[in-house]
Amino acid sequence: MPPRPPHPEEAGCRPEPAAPDAGMAPVPESLYCRRCRRALNIRFNNLGMIVEYLHAAEQRGQRSDHRPEPVPITEIPDPIIECDFCSTPDAAWIYRCANQITDARRVTAQVIAAGDYQSQHHAARVRRTDTEHAFTQAWGEGWSACDGCADFIEARDLYGLIGRVVESLPAKLTRGKHLMRTRGQLHERYSDVFDTLAPSRGRIAPGHPLGIWTHPTGEAP
């Protein structure tokens, strides 16, 4: 038996769909340090267990004078939200993409030919390198951005963004041969961000550390 069509009065009483909550952020909560109010990154072992919390600044080659005290960002009264790209303070936007992870490996052994070692010693060519899983770096789904980096993201200018970020990094990551490796790592990481970027962004505001998601990408607030 087909369903009974609604009575005109019943149809007229159906509630309208609820408007999206402007304060609802479609990104998982990030972890911040309770002590310094800055962002933390997470490292896992090969079993998926957390082995280390790391200040975002330490990830960029800087040092911290204290151990991380991880809590959700919403538990921090006034979090210091820096740009996840160039580290500029007072990030203005938050973007969402697929969860980014990077597997890091450590060298456990290197095999060289005996003849090479006898003739060249430490300059001997490595024939085989054995490695093992060191840790998995979880970058998360939410990426905060300052207005300057957001301009490159909105324009989908990957190389412009990489250039801006490289200029903000310490010299030990960009000097000499390190520059090519650093640019390569940024290209791999940011390519994944661009490829999986959600079609909207949130405006970071006081009381809304996860962003106010009301404006489509590319549209001014």
N, C-alpha and C. Protein backbone atom coordinates (compact mmCIF):
# COMPACT_ATOMS: atom_id res chain seq x y z
N MET A 1 0.85 -1.19 0.00
CA MET A 1 0.00 0.00 0.00
C MET A 1 0.89 1.24 0.00
N PRO A 2 0.66 2.17 -0.95
CA PRO A 2 1.51 3.36 -1.00
C PRO A 2 1.27 4.24 0.21
N PRO A 3 2.25 5.00 0.59
CA PRO A 3 2.08 5.88 1.75
C PRO A 3 1.02 6.93 1.50
N ARG A 4 0.31 7.31 2.57
CA ARG A 4 -0.73 8.32 2.45
C ARG A 4 -0.10 9.69 2.27
N PRO A 5 -0.53 10.43 1.24
CA PRO A 5 0.01 11.79 1.09
C PRO A 5 -0.38 12.65 2.27
N PRO A 6 0.46 13.57 2.68
CA PRO A 6 0.15 14.38 3.86
C PRO A 6 -1.04 15.29 3.62
N HIS A 7 -1.81 15.50 4.66
CA HIS A 7 -2.92 16.45 4.62
C HIS A 7 -2.34 17.85 4.42
N PRO A 8 -3.02 18.72 3.67
CA PRO A 8 -2.48 20.08 3.45
C PRO A 8 -2.07 20.77 4.73
N GLU A 9 -2.85 20.59 5.81
CA GLU A 9 -2.49 21.25 7.07
C GLU A 9 -1.22 20.63 7.66
N GLU A 10 -1.11 19.29 7.50
CA GLU A 10 0.09 18.63 8.00
C GLU A 10 1.32 19.09 7.23
N ALA A 11 1.16 19.19 5.90
CA ALA A 11 2.29 19.62 5.07
C ALA A 11 2.73 21.02 5.43
N GLY A 12 1.76 21.89 5.74
CA GLY A 12 2.10 23.27 6.07
C GLY A 12 2.79 23.40 7.40
N CYS A 13 2.67 22.38 8.25
CA CYS A 13 3.27 22.45 9.58
C CYS A 13 4.65 21.82 9.65
N ARG A 14 5.14 21.31 8.52
CA ARG A 14 6.46 20.68 8.55
C ARG A 14 7.53 21.72 8.84
N PRO A 15 8.47 21.44 9.74
CA PRO A 15 9.49 22.43 10.09
C PRO A 15 10.45 22.69 8.94
N GLU A 16 10.93 23.91 8.84
CA GLU A 16 11.93 24.26 7.84
C GLU A 16 13.28 23.68 8.26
N PRO A 17 14.13 23.32 7.29
CA PRO A 17 15.47 22.83 7.65
C PRO A 17 16.22 23.87 8.45
N ALA A 18 16.95 23.42 9.45
CA ALA A 18 17.70 24.34 10.31
C ALA A 18 18.86 24.94 9.54
N ALA A 19 19.09 26.22 9.74
CA ALA A 19 20.21 26.89 9.09
C ALA A 19 21.51 26.42 9.73
N PRO A 20 22.59 26.35 8.97
CA PRO A 20 23.87 25.93 9.54
C PRO A 20 24.28 26.85 10.68
N ASP A 21 24.82 26.27 11.71
CA ASP A 21 25.31 27.03 12.85
C ASP A 21 26.62 27.71 12.46
N ALA A 22 26.62 29.04 12.47
CA ALA A 22 27.81 29.78 12.05
C ALA A 22 29.00 29.50 12.94
N GLY A 23 28.75 29.09 14.19
CA GLY A 23 29.85 28.85 15.10
C GLY A 23 30.35 27.43 15.08
N MET A 24 29.74 26.57 14.26
CA MET A 24 30.13 25.16 14.24
C MET A 24 31.29 24.97 13.27
N ALA A 25 32.38 24.43 13.76
CA ALA A 25 33.56 24.26 12.91
C ALA A 25 33.68 22.82 12.46
N PRO A 26 33.77 22.57 11.16
CA PRO A 26 33.86 21.20 10.65
C PRO A 26 35.27 20.64 10.68
N VAL A 27 36.02 20.90 11.73
CA VAL A 27 37.36 20.33 11.87
C VAL A 27 37.51 19.75 13.26
N PRO A 28 38.24 18.64 13.39
CA PRO A 28 38.49 18.09 14.72
C PRO A 28 39.31 19.07 15.56
N GLU A 29 39.18 18.94 16.87
CA GLU A 29 39.94 19.82 17.75
C GLU A 29 41.42 19.50 17.69
N SER A 30 42.22 20.54 17.61
CA SER A 30 43.67 20.39 17.67
C SER A 30 44.10 20.33 19.13
N LEU A 31 45.29 19.77 19.35
CA LEU A 31 45.85 19.75 20.69
C LEU A 31 46.83 20.90 20.85
N TYR A 32 46.70 21.59 21.97
CA TYR A 32 47.57 22.71 22.29
C TYR A 32 48.23 22.46 23.64
N CYS A 33 49.32 23.16 23.88
CA CYS A 33 50.02 23.04 25.15
C CYS A 33 49.38 23.97 26.18
N ARG A 34 48.99 23.40 27.31
CA ARG A 34 48.34 24.20 28.35
C ARG A 34 49.28 25.28 28.89
N ARG A 35 50.56 24.99 28.87
CA ARG A 35 51.53 25.91 29.49
C ARG A 35 51.82 27.13 28.61
N CYS A 36 52.12 26.89 27.33
CA CYS A 36 52.49 28.01 26.46
C CYS A 36 51.37 28.43 25.51
N ARG A 37 50.27 27.65 25.47
CA ARG A 37 49.08 27.96 24.67
C ARG A 37 49.33 27.88 23.17
N ARG A 38 50.33 27.07 22.78
CA ARG A 38 50.66 26.93 21.36
C ARG A 38 50.39 25.51 20.88
N ALA A 39 50.34 25.37 19.55
CA ALA A 39 49.95 24.10 18.94
C ALA A 39 50.97 23.00 19.18
N LEU A 40 50.45 21.76 19.21
CA LEU A 40 51.28 20.58 19.36
C LEU A 40 51.07 19.64 18.18
N ASN A 41 52.12 18.92 17.82
CA ASN A 41 52.03 17.84 16.84
C ASN A 41 52.15 16.51 17.58
N ILE A 42 51.67 15.45 16.94
CA ILE A 42 51.64 14.14 17.58
C ILE A 42 52.47 13.16 16.75
N ARG A 43 53.23 12.33 17.45
CA ARG A 43 53.97 11.26 16.81
C ARG A 43 53.51 9.91 17.36
N PHE A 44 53.35 8.94 16.43
CA PHE A 44 52.90 7.61 16.79
C PHE A 44 53.99 6.59 16.47
N ASN A 45 53.94 5.44 17.15
CA ASN A 45 54.82 4.34 16.75
C ASN A 45 54.12 3.50 15.70
N ASN A 46 54.74 2.39 15.30
CA ASN A 46 54.15 1.58 14.23
C ASN A 46 52.93 0.79 14.68
N LEU A 47 52.58 0.87 15.97
CA LEU A 47 51.36 0.24 16.48
C LEU A 47 50.22 1.24 16.62
N GLY A 48 50.49 2.49 16.24
CA GLY A 48 49.46 3.52 16.34
C GLY A 48 49.34 4.14 17.72
N MET A 49 50.30 3.89 18.60
CA MET A 49 50.27 4.46 19.95
C MET A 49 51.06 5.76 19.98
N ILE A 50 50.54 6.74 20.70
CA ILE A 50 51.23 8.03 20.81
C ILE A 50 52.52 7.84 21.60
N VAL A 51 53.62 8.29 21.02
CA VAL A 51 54.91 8.18 21.69
C VAL A 51 55.50 9.54 22.04
N GLU A 52 54.97 10.61 21.43
CA GLU A 52 55.55 11.92 21.70
C GLU A 52 54.61 13.04 21.26
N TYR A 53 54.55 14.07 22.08
CA TYR A 53 53.92 15.33 21.69
C TYR A 53 55.05 16.33 21.43
N LEU A 54 54.90 17.11 20.39
CA LEU A 54 55.97 18.01 19.99
C LEU A 54 55.38 19.38 19.68
N HIS A 55 55.99 20.43 20.24
CA HIS A 55 55.56 21.77 19.89
C HIS A 55 55.76 22.00 18.39
N ALA A 56 54.81 22.69 17.79
CA ALA A 56 54.92 22.96 16.35
C ALA A 56 56.22 23.70 16.04
N ALA A 57 56.65 24.57 16.94
CA ALA A 57 57.90 25.31 16.71
C ALA A 57 59.10 24.37 16.67
N GLU A 58 59.07 23.32 17.49
CA GLU A 58 60.17 22.34 17.48
C GLU A 58 60.20 21.60 16.15
N GLN A 59 59.04 21.39 15.56
CA GLN A 59 58.97 20.73 14.27
C GLN A 59 59.66 21.56 13.19
N ARG A 60 59.70 22.87 13.41
CA ARG A 60 60.33 23.78 12.45
C ARG A 60 61.79 24.06 12.78
N GLY A 61 62.35 23.30 13.73
CA GLY A 61 63.77 23.44 14.05
C GLY A 61 64.08 24.35 15.22
N GLN A 62 63.05 24.89 15.88
CA GLN A 62 63.27 25.74 17.04
C GLN A 62 63.26 24.89 18.32
N ARG A 63 63.56 25.52 19.44
CA ARG A 63 63.62 24.80 20.71
C ARG A 63 62.53 25.29 21.67
N SER A 64 62.17 24.41 22.59
CA SER A 64 61.20 24.77 23.62
C SER A 64 61.85 24.56 24.99
N ASP A 65 61.47 25.40 25.96
CA ASP A 65 62.06 25.30 27.29
C ASP A 65 61.21 24.49 28.26
N HIS A 66 60.18 23.79 27.74
CA HIS A 66 59.34 22.99 28.63
C HIS A 66 58.73 21.82 27.86
N ARG A 67 58.27 20.83 28.60
CA ARG A 67 57.62 19.67 28.00
C ARG A 67 56.17 20.02 27.67
N PRO A 68 55.65 19.46 26.58
CA PRO A 68 54.25 19.75 26.21
C PRO A 68 53.26 19.25 27.26
N GLU A 69 52.20 20.01 27.45
CA GLU A 69 51.09 19.61 28.31
C GLU A 69 49.83 19.64 27.45
N PRO A 70 49.54 18.54 26.74
CA PRO A 70 48.48 18.55 25.72
C PRO A 70 47.06 18.60 26.27
N VAL A 71 46.27 19.52 25.71
CA VAL A 71 44.83 19.61 25.98
C VAL A 71 44.16 20.08 24.69
N PRO A 72 42.86 19.82 24.51
CA PRO A 72 42.16 20.34 23.32
C PRO A 72 42.20 21.86 23.30
N ILE A 73 42.26 22.42 22.10
CA ILE A 73 42.38 23.87 21.96
C ILE A 73 41.24 24.62 22.64
N THR A 74 40.05 24.01 22.68
CA THR A 74 38.90 24.69 23.28
C THR A 74 39.02 24.81 24.79
N GLU A 75 39.99 24.13 25.39
CA GLU A 75 40.21 24.25 26.83
C GLU A 75 41.24 25.32 27.16
N ILE A 76 41.79 25.94 26.13
CA ILE A 76 42.76 27.03 26.33
C ILE A 76 42.00 28.35 26.26
N PRO A 77 42.02 29.17 27.32
CA PRO A 77 41.24 30.42 27.32
C PRO A 77 41.58 31.35 26.16
N ASP A 78 42.85 31.51 25.87
CA ASP A 78 43.26 32.45 24.82
C ASP A 78 44.42 31.83 24.03
N PRO A 79 44.15 30.84 23.18
CA PRO A 79 45.24 30.14 22.48
C PRO A 79 45.99 31.06 21.53
N ILE A 80 47.28 30.81 21.42
CA ILE A 80 48.11 31.55 20.46
C ILE A 80 48.12 30.73 19.17
N ILE A 81 47.34 31.17 18.20
CA ILE A 81 47.18 30.40 16.97
C ILE A 81 48.10 30.99 15.91
N GLU A 82 49.16 30.26 15.61
CA GLU A 82 50.11 30.71 14.60
C GLU A 82 49.78 30.07 13.25
N CYS A 83 50.28 30.68 12.20
CA CYS A 83 50.10 30.13 10.86
C CYS A 83 50.85 28.80 10.78
N ASP A 84 50.16 27.75 10.36
CA ASP A 84 50.81 26.44 10.24
C ASP A 84 51.77 26.37 9.07
N PHE A 85 51.80 27.40 8.26
CA PHE A 85 52.69 27.40 7.10
C PHE A 85 53.94 28.23 7.38
N CYS A 86 53.79 29.52 7.66
CA CYS A 86 54.96 30.39 7.82
C CYS A 86 55.24 30.77 9.27
N SER A 87 54.40 30.32 10.20
CA SER A 87 54.58 30.56 11.64
C SER A 87 54.26 31.98 12.08
N THR A 88 53.70 32.79 11.20
CA THR A 88 53.30 34.14 11.59
C THR A 88 52.25 34.07 12.69
N PRO A 89 52.37 34.88 13.74
CA PRO A 89 51.34 34.86 14.79
C PRO A 89 50.01 35.43 14.30
N ASP A 90 48.97 35.15 15.04
CA ASP A 90 47.64 35.65 14.72
C ASP A 90 47.14 35.14 13.37
N ALA A 91 47.05 33.83 13.24
CA ALA A 91 46.48 33.24 12.03
C ALA A 91 45.04 33.72 11.86
N ALA A 92 44.62 33.89 10.61
CA ALA A 92 43.30 34.46 10.33
C ALA A 92 42.29 33.43 9.84
N TRP A 93 42.77 32.33 9.23
CA TRP A 93 41.88 31.37 8.60
C TRP A 93 42.25 29.95 9.01
N ILE A 94 41.29 29.05 8.89
CA ILE A 94 41.56 27.64 9.09
C ILE A 94 40.96 26.86 7.93
N TYR A 95 41.76 25.97 7.37
CA TYR A 95 41.34 25.14 6.24
C TYR A 95 41.26 23.68 6.69
N ARG A 96 40.46 22.91 5.96
CA ARG A 96 40.38 21.49 6.26
C ARG A 96 40.75 20.67 5.03
N CYS A 97 41.53 19.61 5.27
CA CYS A 97 41.91 18.70 4.20
C CYS A 97 41.95 17.30 4.79
N ALA A 98 42.33 16.32 3.99
CA ALA A 98 42.46 14.96 4.50
C ALA A 98 43.57 14.92 5.55
N ASN A 99 43.43 14.02 6.50
CA ASN A 99 44.44 13.90 7.54
C ASN A 99 45.80 13.57 6.93
N GLN A 100 46.81 14.34 7.28
CA GLN A 100 48.14 14.17 6.71
C GLN A 100 49.03 13.42 7.69
N ILE A 101 49.71 12.39 7.20
CA ILE A 101 50.67 11.67 8.03
C ILE A 101 51.96 11.48 7.24
N THR A 102 53.07 11.43 7.95
CA THR A 102 54.37 11.20 7.34
C THR A 102 55.10 10.14 8.14
N ASP A 103 55.56 9.10 7.46
CA ASP A 103 56.33 8.05 8.11
C ASP A 103 57.82 8.39 8.05
N ALA A 104 58.46 8.42 9.20
CA ALA A 104 59.90 8.66 9.27
C ALA A 104 60.60 7.35 9.60
N ARG A 105 61.75 7.14 8.96
CA ARG A 105 62.50 5.91 9.18
C ARG A 105 63.91 6.25 9.64
N ARG A 106 64.49 5.35 10.42
CA ARG A 106 65.87 5.53 10.88
C ARG A 106 66.77 4.47 10.25
N VAL A 107 68.00 4.86 9.98
CA VAL A 107 68.97 3.93 9.39
C VAL A 107 69.49 3.00 10.48
N THR A 108 69.43 1.70 10.20
CA THR A 108 69.93 0.70 11.16
C THR A 108 71.25 0.09 10.73
N ALA A 109 71.52 0.08 9.42
CA ALA A 109 72.78 -0.50 8.94
C ALA A 109 73.04 -0.04 7.52
N GLN A 110 74.32 0.07 7.17
CA GLN A 110 74.73 0.38 5.81
C GLN A 110 75.79 -0.64 5.39
N VAL A 111 75.64 -1.16 4.19
CA VAL A 111 76.56 -2.17 3.68
C VAL A 111 77.41 -1.56 2.57
N ILE A 112 78.72 -1.72 2.69
CA ILE A 112 79.63 -1.24 1.65
C ILE A 112 80.52 -2.40 1.21
N ALA A 113 81.09 -2.28 0.02
CA ALA A 113 81.98 -3.33 -0.48
C ALA A 113 83.33 -3.23 0.23
N ALA A 114 83.88 -4.38 0.59
CA ALA A 114 85.15 -4.40 1.31
C ALA A 114 86.26 -3.72 0.51
N GLY A 115 86.27 -3.94 -0.81
CA GLY A 115 87.29 -3.33 -1.64
C GLY A 115 87.20 -1.81 -1.64
N ASP A 116 85.95 -1.30 -1.69
CA ASP A 116 85.76 0.15 -1.65
C ASP A 116 86.28 0.73 -0.34
N TYR A 117 85.99 0.04 0.76
CA TYR A 117 86.41 0.57 2.06
C TYR A 117 87.94 0.57 2.18
N GLN A 118 88.57 -0.48 1.66
CA GLN A 118 90.03 -0.56 1.75
C GLN A 118 90.70 0.54 0.94
N SER A 119 90.07 0.91 -0.19
CA SER A 119 90.71 1.91 -1.05
C SER A 119 90.23 3.33 -0.78
N GLN A 120 88.97 3.47 -0.31
CA GLN A 120 88.40 4.81 -0.16
C GLN A 120 87.99 5.13 1.28
N HIS A 121 87.99 4.14 2.14
CA HIS A 121 87.63 4.32 3.55
C HIS A 121 86.24 4.97 3.68
N HIS A 122 86.15 6.13 4.32
CA HIS A 122 84.85 6.73 4.59
C HIS A 122 84.16 7.26 3.33
N ALA A 123 84.88 7.32 2.22
CA ALA A 123 84.27 7.76 0.96
C ALA A 123 83.70 6.58 0.18
N ALA A 124 83.74 5.40 0.75
CA ALA A 124 83.24 4.21 0.06
C ALA A 124 81.75 4.34 -0.22
N ARG A 125 81.35 3.81 -1.38
CA ARG A 125 79.95 3.87 -1.77
C ARG A 125 79.12 2.88 -0.95
N VAL A 126 77.93 3.32 -0.56
CA VAL A 126 77.01 2.46 0.19
C VAL A 126 76.26 1.58 -0.79
N ARG A 127 76.36 0.27 -0.60
CA ARG A 127 75.69 -0.68 -1.48
C ARG A 127 74.25 -0.93 -1.06
N ARG A 128 74.00 -0.92 0.23
CA ARG A 128 72.64 -1.16 0.72
C ARG A 128 72.45 -0.45 2.05
N THR A 129 71.27 0.13 2.22
CA THR A 129 70.93 0.79 3.48
C THR A 129 69.70 0.13 4.07
N ASP A 130 69.81 -0.33 5.30
CA ASP A 130 68.67 -0.94 6.01
C ASP A 130 68.06 0.10 6.95
N THR A 131 66.74 0.16 6.96
CA THR A 131 66.04 1.12 7.82
C THR A 131 64.93 0.43 8.59
N GLU A 132 64.42 1.13 9.58
CA GLU A 132 63.25 0.66 10.32
C GLU A 132 62.36 1.86 10.63
N HIS A 133 61.10 1.58 10.94
CA HIS A 133 60.15 2.65 11.25
C HIS A 133 60.59 3.37 12.52
N ALA A 134 60.68 4.68 12.44
CA ALA A 134 61.04 5.48 13.62
C ALA A 134 59.79 6.04 14.29
N PHE A 135 58.97 6.75 13.52
CA PHE A 135 57.72 7.27 14.05
C PHE A 135 56.85 7.72 12.89
N THR A 136 55.58 7.91 13.16
CA THR A 136 54.64 8.47 12.20
C THR A 136 54.21 9.84 12.70
N GLN A 137 54.45 10.85 11.87
CA GLN A 137 54.07 12.22 12.22
C GLN A 137 52.65 12.48 11.74
N ALA A 138 51.77 12.87 12.66
CA ALA A 138 50.39 13.20 12.29
C ALA A 138 50.25 14.71 12.21
N TRP A 139 49.88 15.20 11.03
CA TRP A 139 49.73 16.64 10.83
C TRP A 139 48.30 17.11 11.07
N GLY A 140 47.35 16.18 11.02
CA GLY A 140 45.96 16.54 11.28
C GLY A 140 45.21 17.01 10.04
N GLU A 141 43.95 17.38 10.26
CA GLU A 141 43.08 17.81 9.17
C GLU A 141 42.94 19.33 9.07
N GLY A 142 43.13 20.02 10.17
CA GLY A 142 42.97 21.47 10.17
C GLY A 142 44.30 22.19 10.03
N TRP A 143 44.35 23.16 9.13
CA TRP A 143 45.56 23.96 8.90
C TRP A 143 45.21 25.44 9.03
N SER A 144 45.83 26.10 9.99
CA SER A 144 45.59 27.54 10.16
C SER A 144 46.53 28.31 9.22
N ALA A 145 46.06 29.46 8.77
CA ALA A 145 46.84 30.25 7.81
C ALA A 145 46.68 31.74 8.08
N CYS A 146 47.77 32.47 7.93
CA CYS A 146 47.71 33.93 8.00
C CYS A 146 47.13 34.44 6.68
N ASP A 147 46.85 35.73 6.62
CA ASP A 147 46.28 36.29 5.39
C ASP A 147 47.23 36.12 4.21
N GLY A 148 48.55 36.27 4.47
CA GLY A 148 49.52 36.16 3.38
C GLY A 148 49.55 34.77 2.77
N CYS A 149 49.60 33.74 3.61
CA CYS A 149 49.60 32.36 3.10
C CYS A 149 48.24 32.00 2.52
N ALA A 150 47.17 32.53 3.12
CA ALA A 150 45.83 32.24 2.62
C ALA A 150 45.66 32.74 1.18
N ASP A 151 46.31 33.85 0.85
CA ASP A 151 46.22 34.36 -0.53
C ASP A 151 46.76 33.33 -1.52
N PHE A 152 47.87 32.69 -1.18
CA PHE A 152 48.43 31.67 -2.06
C PHE A 152 47.53 30.43 -2.11
N ILE A 153 46.94 30.08 -0.97
CA ILE A 153 46.05 28.91 -0.93
C ILE A 153 44.81 29.16 -1.78
N GLU A 154 44.23 30.35 -1.65
CA GLU A 154 43.04 30.67 -2.43
C GLU A 154 43.34 30.66 -3.92
N ALA A 155 44.56 31.08 -4.29
CA ALA A 155 44.96 31.10 -5.70
C ALA A 155 45.48 29.74 -6.16
N ARG A 156 45.55 28.77 -5.22
CA ARG A 156 46.11 27.45 -5.50
C ARG A 156 47.52 27.57 -6.08
N ASP A 157 48.28 28.51 -5.53
CA ASP A 157 49.65 28.76 -5.97
C ASP A 157 50.60 28.00 -5.06
N LEU A 158 50.85 26.74 -5.39
CA LEU A 158 51.67 25.87 -4.55
C LEU A 158 53.09 26.39 -4.41
N TYR A 159 53.71 26.77 -5.53
CA TYR A 159 55.10 27.20 -5.48
C TYR A 159 55.25 28.56 -4.80
N GLY A 160 54.25 29.41 -4.94
CA GLY A 160 54.29 30.68 -4.23
C GLY A 160 54.23 30.47 -2.73
N LEU A 161 53.40 29.52 -2.29
CA LEU A 161 53.29 29.21 -0.86
C LEU A 161 54.60 28.62 -0.34
N ILE A 162 55.19 27.70 -1.10
CA ILE A 162 56.46 27.10 -0.68
C ILE A 162 57.53 28.17 -0.55
N GLY A 163 57.60 29.08 -1.51
CA GLY A 163 58.59 30.15 -1.45
C GLY A 163 58.41 31.02 -0.22
N ARG A 164 57.17 31.34 0.11
CA ARG A 164 56.91 32.17 1.30
C ARG A 164 57.33 31.44 2.57
N VAL A 165 57.03 30.14 2.64
CA VAL A 165 57.36 29.37 3.83
C VAL A 165 58.87 29.22 3.98
N VAL A 166 59.57 28.95 2.88
CA VAL A 166 61.03 28.78 2.93
C VAL A 166 61.69 30.04 3.49
N GLU A 167 61.19 31.20 3.14
CA GLU A 167 61.77 32.45 3.63
C GLU A 167 61.63 32.60 5.14
N SER A 168 60.66 31.90 5.73
CA SER A 168 60.43 32.03 7.17
C SER A 168 61.18 30.98 8.00
N LEU A 169 61.81 30.01 7.34
CA LEU A 169 62.47 28.91 8.05
C LEU A 169 63.87 29.31 8.52
N PRO A 170 64.36 28.67 9.59
CA PRO A 170 65.73 28.96 10.03
C PRO A 170 66.75 28.52 8.99
N ALA A 171 67.91 29.17 9.01
CA ALA A 171 68.93 28.94 7.99
C ALA A 171 69.39 27.49 7.94
N LYS A 172 69.38 26.78 9.07
CA LYS A 172 69.88 25.41 9.07
C LYS A 172 69.01 24.48 8.23
N LEU A 173 67.79 24.91 7.90
CA LEU A 173 66.92 24.10 7.05
C LEU A 173 66.94 24.55 5.59
N THR A 174 67.57 25.68 5.31
CA THR A 174 67.54 26.21 3.95
C THR A 174 68.92 26.50 3.38
N ARG A 175 69.96 26.27 4.17
CA ARG A 175 71.31 26.58 3.72
C ARG A 175 71.86 25.46 2.83
N GLY A 176 72.46 25.83 1.70
CA GLY A 176 73.13 24.87 0.83
C GLY A 176 72.23 23.74 0.36
N LYS A 177 72.71 22.52 0.52
CA LYS A 177 71.99 21.35 0.03
C LYS A 177 70.69 21.09 0.79
N HIS A 178 70.54 21.70 1.97
CA HIS A 178 69.32 21.49 2.75
C HIS A 178 68.11 22.15 2.07
N LEU A 179 68.35 23.18 1.27
CA LEU A 179 67.25 23.90 0.64
C LEU A 179 66.45 22.99 -0.28
N MET A 180 67.12 22.21 -1.11
CA MET A 180 66.42 21.34 -2.05
C MET A 180 65.60 20.29 -1.30
N ARG A 181 66.17 19.73 -0.24
CA ARG A 181 65.43 18.72 0.52
C ARG A 181 64.21 19.33 1.21
N THR A 182 64.40 20.52 1.78
CA THR A 182 63.29 21.18 2.46
C THR A 182 62.17 21.53 1.49
N ARG A 183 62.52 22.07 0.33
CA ARG A 183 61.50 22.40 -0.67
C ARG A 183 60.78 21.13 -1.14
N GLY A 184 61.52 20.04 -1.27
CA GLY A 184 60.90 18.78 -1.68
C GLY A 184 59.91 18.27 -0.65
N GLN A 185 60.27 18.38 0.62
CA GLN A 185 59.37 17.94 1.69
C GLN A 185 58.11 18.81 1.74
N LEU A 186 58.30 20.11 1.59
CA LEU A 186 57.15 21.01 1.59
C LEU A 186 56.25 20.76 0.38
N HIS A 187 56.86 20.50 -0.76
CA HIS A 187 56.07 20.23 -1.97
C HIS A 187 55.20 18.99 -1.77
N GLU A 188 55.77 17.94 -1.21
CA GLU A 188 55.01 16.71 -0.98
C GLU A 188 53.87 16.94 0.00
N ARG A 189 54.16 17.64 1.09
CA ARG A 189 53.15 17.86 2.13
C ARG A 189 52.04 18.78 1.65
N TYR A 190 52.41 19.90 1.04
CA TYR A 190 51.41 20.87 0.63
C TYR A 190 50.63 20.41 -0.60
N SER A 191 51.23 19.56 -1.43
CA SER A 191 50.48 19.01 -2.56
C SER A 191 49.30 18.20 -2.05
N ASP A 192 49.51 17.43 -1.00
CA ASP A 192 48.42 16.66 -0.41
C ASP A 192 47.36 17.58 0.17
N VAL A 193 47.80 18.67 0.78
CA VAL A 193 46.84 19.64 1.33
C VAL A 193 45.98 20.22 0.20
N PHE A 194 46.62 20.67 -0.87
CA PHE A 194 45.89 21.27 -1.98
C PHE A 194 44.96 20.26 -2.65
N ASP A 195 45.42 19.02 -2.79
CA ASP A 195 44.63 18.00 -3.49
C ASP A 195 43.37 17.60 -2.72
N THR A 196 43.39 17.75 -1.40
CA THR A 196 42.25 17.29 -0.60
C THR A 196 41.56 18.43 0.14
N LEU A 197 41.82 19.66 -0.28
CA LEU A 197 41.28 20.83 0.41
C LEU A 197 39.76 20.88 0.32
N ALA A 198 39.11 21.10 1.45
CA ALA A 198 37.65 21.24 1.47
C ALA A 198 37.25 22.56 0.82
N PRO A 199 36.04 22.64 0.24
CA PRO A 199 35.64 23.84 -0.51
C PRO A 199 35.15 24.99 0.36
N SER A 200 35.68 25.14 1.54
CA SER A 200 35.32 26.27 2.39
C SER A 200 36.44 26.48 3.39
N ARG A 201 36.37 27.58 4.10
CA ARG A 201 37.36 27.87 5.13
C ARG A 201 36.69 28.59 6.28
N GLY A 202 37.30 28.51 7.46
CA GLY A 202 36.74 29.15 8.63
C GLY A 202 37.54 30.38 9.02
N ARG A 203 36.83 31.39 9.47
CA ARG A 203 37.47 32.62 9.91
C ARG A 203 37.73 32.52 11.41
N ILE A 204 39.00 32.57 11.82
CA ILE A 204 39.35 32.50 13.24
C ILE A 204 38.99 33.81 13.90
N ALA A 205 38.27 33.72 15.02
CA ALA A 205 37.82 34.91 15.74
C ALA A 205 37.88 34.63 17.23
N PRO A 206 37.90 35.68 18.06
CA PRO A 206 37.90 35.47 19.51
C PRO A 206 36.72 34.58 19.93
N GLY A 207 37.02 33.56 20.71
CA GLY A 207 35.99 32.63 21.14
C GLY A 207 35.69 31.54 20.14
N HIS A 208 36.29 31.60 18.95
CA HIS A 208 36.07 30.60 17.90
C HIS A 208 37.42 30.13 17.35
N PRO A 209 38.21 29.41 18.16
CA PRO A 209 39.53 28.97 17.69
C PRO A 209 39.48 27.96 16.55
N LEU A 210 38.33 27.30 16.37
CA LEU A 210 38.19 26.35 15.27
C LEU A 210 37.58 27.00 14.04
N GLY A 211 37.33 28.30 14.11
CA GLY A 211 36.86 29.04 12.95
C GLY A 211 35.35 29.15 12.87
N ILE A 212 34.89 30.22 12.23
CA ILE A 212 33.47 30.43 11.91
C ILE A 212 33.31 30.14 10.43
N TRP A 213 32.61 29.07 10.12
CA TRP A 213 32.56 28.56 8.74
C TRP A 213 31.28 29.04 8.06
N THR A 214 31.33 30.27 7.54
CA THR A 214 30.15 30.83 6.89
C THR A 214 30.41 31.31 5.47
N HIS A 215 31.67 31.39 5.05
CA HIS A 215 31.99 31.97 3.75
C HIS A 215 32.64 30.95 2.84
N PRO A 216 32.14 30.77 1.63
CA PRO A 216 32.80 29.85 0.68
C PRO A 216 34.21 30.31 0.38
N THR A 217 35.03 29.37 -0.04
CA THR A 217 36.41 29.68 -0.39
C THR A 217 36.46 30.75 -1.47
N GLY A 218 37.30 31.74 -1.25
CA GLY A 218 37.48 32.80 -2.24
C GLY A 218 36.53 33.96 -2.07
N GLU A 219 35.55 33.85 -1.17
CA GLU A 219 34.59 34.93 -0.99
C GLU A 219 34.95 35.72 0.25
N ALA A 220 35.03 37.02 0.14
CA ALA A 220 35.42 37.87 1.26
C ALA A 220 34.34 37.86 2.32
N PRO A 221 34.73 37.92 3.61
CA PRO A 221 33.75 37.95 4.68
C PRO A 221 32.97 39.25 4.67
